[in-house]
Amino acid sequence: MRDPFEESLRDLLKTSSSVHDDDATLGRVLKTANRQVGAGDLFSLMGHWFSALMIALNNGSAHLAPVSRRTPASRSADKAD
C-alpha cells in the first residue's frame, strides 16, 4: 500500500526541467511537503477544537434548563385553592 503523500513527492522529484539542479528540485519538494504537512496539521487542530467545543456544549446543556429546588408538595401548598 503506497502513501499518496509519498507518491506526490516522488512525482515532484521525477519531474525536472531542461537543466537538472538537485538543490532546486529538493527545495521545491521540501517546500511542497511542508505545505502539505502544515495543511494537515491545521485541519487536525480544527477537528480537535470542534470536538472540544461539542463536548463543552454537551456538558453545559444540562445547565440551561431552569432548576427548581422546591419539592412537588411545597409547590401544591403555595397554590391558592
C-alpha atoms as a PDB file:
ATOM      1  CA  MET A   1       0.000   0.000   0.000  1.00  0.00           C
ATOM      2  CA  ARG A   2       1.521   3.299  -1.080  1.00  0.00           C
ATOM      3  CA  ASP A   3       1.103   6.587   0.674  1.00  0.00           C
ATOM      4  CA  PRO A   4      -0.377   9.285  -1.625  1.00  0.00           C
ATOM      5  CA  PHE A   5       1.797  11.916   0.048  1.00  0.00           C
ATOM      6  CA  GLU A   6       4.924   9.885  -0.697  1.00  0.00           C
ATOM      7  CA  GLU A   7       3.818   9.333  -4.279  1.00  0.00           C
ATOM      8  CA  SER A   8       3.285  13.055  -4.839  1.00  0.00           C
ATOM      9  CA  LEU A   9       6.790  13.745  -3.519  1.00  0.00           C
ATOM     10  CA  ARG A  10       8.255  11.082  -5.811  1.00  0.00           C
ATOM     11  CA  ASP A  11       6.445  12.637  -8.778  1.00  0.00           C
ATOM     12  CA  LEU A  12       7.864  16.048  -7.898  1.00  0.00           C
ATOM     13  CA  LEU A  13      11.377  14.628  -7.736  1.00  0.00           C
ATOM     14  CA  LYS A  14      10.977  12.867 -11.092  1.00  0.00           C
ATOM     15  CA  THR A  15       9.834  15.995 -12.921  1.00  0.00           C
ATOM     16  CA  SER A  16      12.786  18.084 -13.976  1.00  0.00           C
ATOM     17  CA  SER A  17      13.383  20.990 -16.278  1.00  0.00           C
ATOM     18  CA  SER A  18      15.950  21.072 -19.092  1.00  0.00           C
ATOM     19  CA  VAL A  19      18.674  21.959 -16.571  1.00  0.00           C
ATOM     20  CA  HIS A  20      18.738  19.440 -13.743  1.00  0.00           C
ATOM     21  CA  ASP A  21      19.509  21.217 -10.472  1.00  0.00           C
ATOM     22  CA  ASP A  22      19.307  18.882  -7.484  1.00  0.00           C
ATOM     23  CA  ASP A  23      19.248  21.692  -4.896  1.00  0.00           C
ATOM     24  CA  ALA A  24      16.365  23.471  -6.616  1.00  0.00           C
ATOM     25  CA  THR A  25      14.442  20.210  -7.014  1.00  0.00           C
ATOM     26  CA  LEU A  26      14.990  19.268  -3.395  1.00  0.00           C
ATOM     27  CA  GLY A  27      13.969  22.751  -2.264  1.00  0.00           C
ATOM     28  CA  ARG A  28      10.764  22.565  -4.310  1.00  0.00           C
ATOM     29  CA  VAL A  29       9.917  19.135  -2.910  1.00  0.00           C
ATOM     30  CA  LEU A  30      10.575  20.176   0.680  1.00  0.00           C
ATOM     31  CA  LYS A  31       8.536  23.345   0.247  1.00  0.00           C
ATOM     32  CA  THR A  32       5.592  21.318  -1.077  1.00  0.00           C
ATOM     33  CA  ALA A  33       5.981  18.745   1.708  1.00  0.00           C
ATOM     34  CA  ASN A  34       5.943  21.446   4.387  1.00  0.00           C
ATOM     35  CA  ARG A  35       2.856  22.996   2.835  1.00  0.00           C
ATOM     36  CA  GLN A  36       1.001  19.676   2.762  1.00  0.00           C
ATOM     37  CA  VAL A  37       2.001  18.748   6.308  1.00  0.00           C
ATOM     38  CA  GLY A  38       1.057  22.213   7.557  1.00  0.00           C
ATOM     39  CA  ALA A  39      -2.391  21.981   5.985  1.00  0.00           C
ATOM     40  CA  GLY A  40      -2.909  18.562   7.565  1.00  0.00           C
ATOM     41  CA  ASP A  41      -1.899  19.891  10.972  1.00  0.00           C
ATOM     42  CA  LEU A  42      -4.244  22.844  10.593  1.00  0.00           C
ATOM     43  CA  PHE A  43      -7.214  20.608   9.759  1.00  0.00           C
ATOM     44  CA  SER A  44      -6.300  18.321  12.653  1.00  0.00           C
ATOM     45  CA  LEU A  45      -6.210  21.298  15.018  1.00  0.00           C
ATOM     46  CA  MET A  46      -9.617  22.487  13.821  1.00  0.00           C
ATOM     47  CA  GLY A  47     -11.003  18.968  14.295  1.00  0.00           C
ATOM     48  CA  HIS A  48      -9.751  18.809  17.882  1.00  0.00           C
ATOM     49  CA  TRP A  49     -11.114  22.294  18.558  1.00  0.00           C
ATOM     50  CA  PHE A  50     -14.527  21.354  17.163  1.00  0.00           C
ATOM     51  CA  SER A  51     -14.575  18.158  19.228  1.00  0.00           C
ATOM     52  CA  ALA A  52     -13.739  20.088  22.410  1.00  0.00           C
ATOM     53  CA  LEU A  53     -16.470  22.624  21.632  1.00  0.00           C
ATOM     54  CA  MET A  54     -19.036  19.858  21.143  1.00  0.00           C
ATOM     55  CA  ILE A  55     -18.041  18.228  24.452  1.00  0.00           C
ATOM     56  CA  ALA A  56     -18.339  21.583  26.241  1.00  0.00           C
ATOM     57  CA  LEU A  57     -21.772  22.250  24.736  1.00  0.00           C
ATOM     58  CA  ASN A  58     -22.942  18.759  25.612  1.00  0.00           C
ATOM     59  CA  ASN A  59     -21.797  19.051  29.221  1.00  0.00           C
ATOM     60  CA  GLY A  60     -23.162  22.576  29.611  1.00  0.00           C
ATOM     61  CA  SER A  61     -26.565  21.922  28.044  1.00  0.00           C
ATOM     62  CA  ALA A  62     -27.922  20.377  31.249  1.00  0.00           C
ATOM     63  CA  HIS A  63     -27.397  23.707  32.997  1.00  0.00           C
ATOM     64  CA  LEU A  64     -29.556  25.637  30.545  1.00  0.00           C
ATOM     65  CA  ALA A  65     -32.885  24.311  31.824  1.00  0.00           C
ATOM     66  CA  PRO A  66     -34.301  26.118  34.865  1.00  0.00           C
ATOM     67  CA  VAL A  67     -33.884  24.132  38.034  1.00  0.00           C
ATOM     68  CA  SER A  68     -36.400  24.316  40.838  1.00  0.00           C
ATOM     69  CA  ARG A  69     -35.355  23.314  44.322  1.00  0.00           C
ATOM     70  CA  ARG A  70     -38.873  23.138  45.631  1.00  0.00           C
ATOM     71  CA  THR A  71     -40.433  19.746  46.126  1.00  0.00           C
ATOM     72  CA  PRO A  72     -43.738  18.947  44.404  1.00  0.00           C
ATOM     73  CA  ALA A  73     -45.541  19.010  47.784  1.00  0.00           C
ATOM     74  CA  SER A  74     -44.390  22.547  48.585  1.00  0.00           C
ATOM     75  CA  ARG A  75     -45.479  23.758  45.136  1.00  0.00           C
ATOM     76  CA  SER A  76     -49.027  22.495  45.624  1.00  0.00           C
ATOM     77  CA  ALA A  77     -49.169  24.139  49.067  1.00  0.00           C
ATOM     78  CA  ASP A  78     -48.246  27.524  47.550  1.00  0.00           C
ATOM     79  CA  LYS A  79     -51.142  27.425  45.086  1.00  0.00           C
ATOM     80  CA  ALA A  80     -54.364  29.153  46.038  1.00  0.00           C
ATOM     81  CA  ASP A  81     -57.425  26.942  46.143  1.00  0.00           C
END
